[in-house]
Amino acid sequence: MIMKQLFTSILLLLATVSFAQENEIHSILQEQVEAFNTKDIDGLVENVTDDFKWYFIGPDTLHLEVSGKENFRKSMESYFNSIAEVKSEIAEYAIDNNRISFKEVVRYVTSSGITQSASAMGIYEMKNGLIYRAWYFF
């Protein structure tokens, strides 16, 4: 009887830890979307590691878009300076261990006033509560 209670307690503890980790990972994704939608570059940069890497994956291509926290800052500054308005929406997501995969739809208005949208699949890998790696499939 004691072994059964111990086993049940361990399962409950593991489920609680897993649920807490999933909530933390989902919260980071939500924070990134909010920061992106308000063009809060400091908020975006706060959620990535110093050795952050962002990969772009397109048809027959894979390239390193950004390496490092400060290069990420510069990239986002350049991006936000090139568009008038931008909004991101996460259509769906799934969490597996320390990764969250998601479908993102971005709607934006170019500096010439043209409204466009783009959709991508993304994956964030977390390390110590921050985004360590990002992959975007366009």
Protein backbone atom coordinates (compact mmCIF):
# COMPACT_ATOMS: atom_id res chain seq x y z
CA MET A 1 0.00 0.00 0.00
CA ILE A 2 2.84 2.40 0.84
CA MET A 3 4.51 1.74 -2.55
CA LYS A 4 1.26 2.52 -4.35
CA GLN A 5 0.89 5.82 -2.46
CA LEU A 6 4.53 6.70 -3.15
CA PHE A 7 4.14 5.91 -6.85
CA THR A 8 0.95 8.01 -7.05
CA SER A 9 2.67 10.92 -5.27
CA ILE A 10 5.62 10.79 -7.66
CA LEU A 11 3.30 10.79 -10.68
CA LEU A 12 1.40 13.80 -9.32
CA LEU A 13 4.65 15.64 -8.63
CA LEU A 14 5.93 14.97 -12.16
CA ALA A 15 2.63 16.10 -13.69
CA THR A 16 2.74 19.32 -11.63
CA VAL A 17 6.34 20.07 -12.66
CA SER A 18 5.52 19.37 -16.33
CA PHE A 19 2.42 21.59 -16.20
CA ALA A 20 4.42 24.44 -14.60
CA GLN A 21 7.13 24.16 -17.27
CA GLU A 22 4.52 24.20 -20.04
CA ASN A 23 2.89 27.30 -18.53
CA GLU A 24 6.27 29.06 -18.36
CA ILE A 25 7.09 28.20 -21.98
CA HIS A 26 3.67 29.34 -23.19
CA SER A 27 4.00 32.58 -21.17
CA ILE A 28 7.31 33.36 -22.87
CA LEU A 29 5.71 32.89 -26.29
CA GLN A 30 2.85 35.21 -25.27
CA GLU A 31 5.34 37.80 -23.98
CA GLN A 32 7.20 37.70 -27.30
CA VAL A 33 3.98 38.22 -29.26
CA GLU A 34 2.94 41.14 -27.03
CA ALA A 35 6.38 42.74 -27.30
CA PHE A 36 6.39 42.24 -31.08
CA ASN A 37 2.91 43.73 -31.46
CA THR A 38 3.89 46.84 -29.49
CA LYS A 39 7.35 47.06 -31.11
CA ASP A 40 8.91 46.66 -27.65
CA ILE A 41 12.45 45.72 -28.66
CA ASP A 42 13.69 45.63 -25.05
CA GLY A 43 10.90 43.17 -24.21
CA LEU A 44 11.81 40.95 -27.15
CA VAL A 45 15.51 40.96 -26.26
CA GLU A 46 14.89 40.26 -22.54
CA ASN A 47 13.44 36.85 -23.43
CA VAL A 48 16.48 35.52 -25.32
CA THR A 49 19.81 34.12 -24.13
CA ASP A 50 23.09 35.92 -24.81
CA ASP A 51 24.01 33.17 -27.30
CA PHE A 52 20.57 33.15 -28.97
CA LYS A 53 20.40 31.91 -32.57
CA TRP A 54 17.54 32.38 -35.03
CA TYR A 55 17.40 30.20 -38.12
CA PHE A 56 15.42 30.86 -41.30
CA ILE A 57 14.29 27.79 -43.22
CA GLY A 58 12.87 28.24 -46.70
CA PRO A 59 12.56 26.06 -49.79
CA ASP A 60 15.96 24.38 -50.16
CA THR A 61 17.58 26.87 -47.77
CA LEU A 62 18.66 27.06 -44.17
CA HIS A 63 20.52 30.08 -42.94
CA LEU A 64 21.40 31.70 -39.68
CA GLU A 65 19.30 34.88 -39.53
CA VAL A 66 20.68 36.23 -36.24
CA SER A 67 23.34 35.16 -33.78
CA GLY A 68 23.57 36.81 -30.37
CA LYS A 69 21.34 39.01 -28.26
CA GLU A 70 22.65 42.36 -29.53
CA ASN A 71 22.43 41.30 -33.17
CA PHE A 72 18.83 40.28 -32.46
CA ARG A 73 18.20 43.80 -31.11
CA LYS A 74 19.68 45.37 -34.25
CA SER A 75 17.68 43.06 -36.49
CA MET A 76 14.40 43.95 -34.77
CA GLU A 77 15.21 47.68 -34.88
CA SER A 78 15.82 47.41 -38.62
CA TYR A 79 12.65 45.37 -39.14
CA PHE A 80 10.41 47.75 -37.21
CA ASN A 81 11.92 50.75 -39.03
CA SER A 82 11.01 49.18 -42.37
CA ILE A 83 7.25 48.77 -41.72
CA ALA A 84 4.48 51.11 -40.65
CA GLU A 85 2.30 48.65 -38.70
CA VAL A 86 2.65 45.02 -37.70
CA LYS A 87 0.63 42.50 -35.69
CA SER A 88 1.35 38.87 -34.92
CA GLU A 89 -1.14 36.20 -33.95
CA ILE A 90 -0.45 32.66 -32.83
CA ALA A 91 -2.98 30.39 -34.51
CA GLU A 92 -1.99 27.21 -32.65
CA TYR A 93 0.87 25.77 -30.63
CA ALA A 94 2.23 22.57 -29.10
CA ILE A 95 4.74 22.10 -26.29
CA ASP A 96 7.17 19.20 -26.13
CA ASN A 97 9.68 19.18 -23.28
CA ASN A 98 11.64 22.47 -23.58
CA ARG A 99 10.32 23.42 -27.05
CA ILE A 100 7.20 25.16 -28.25
CA SER A 101 6.16 24.90 -31.90
CA PHE A 102 3.56 27.28 -33.28
CA LYS A 103 1.84 28.65 -36.35
CA GLU A 104 2.20 32.42 -36.57
CA VAL A 105 0.35 34.81 -38.85
CA VAL A 106 1.82 38.29 -39.22
CA ARG A 107 -0.13 41.13 -40.81
CA TYR A 108 1.73 44.31 -41.65
CA VAL A 109 1.49 47.57 -43.54
CA THR A 110 4.53 48.45 -45.61
CA SER A 111 6.04 51.94 -45.63
CA SER A 112 4.22 52.46 -48.96
CA GLY A 113 0.86 51.68 -47.30
CA ILE A 114 0.29 48.20 -48.71
CA THR A 115 -1.25 45.66 -46.30
CA GLN A 116 0.25 42.18 -46.49
CA SER A 117 0.35 39.02 -44.42
CA ALA A 118 2.74 36.14 -43.95
CA SER A 119 2.40 32.80 -42.22
CA ALA A 120 5.15 30.67 -40.73
CA MET A 121 5.75 27.73 -38.47
CA GLY A 122 8.12 28.47 -35.63
CA ILE A 123 9.91 26.56 -32.92
CA TYR A 124 11.47 28.08 -29.80
CA GLU A 125 13.86 26.01 -27.72
CA MET A 126 14.13 27.18 -24.12
CA LYS A 127 17.11 27.17 -21.81
CA ASN A 128 16.93 28.47 -18.23
CA GLY A 129 13.61 30.21 -18.88
CA LEU A 130 14.79 32.06 -22.02
CA ILE A 131 14.63 31.44 -25.76
CA TYR A 132 17.89 29.77 -26.74
CA ARG A 133 17.15 28.82 -30.36
CA ALA A 134 14.45 29.80 -32.84
CA TRP A 135 13.61 28.22 -36.17
CA TYR A 136 11.15 29.78 -38.61
CA PHE A 137 9.82 27.78 -41.56
CA PHE A 138 8.33 30.00 -44.26
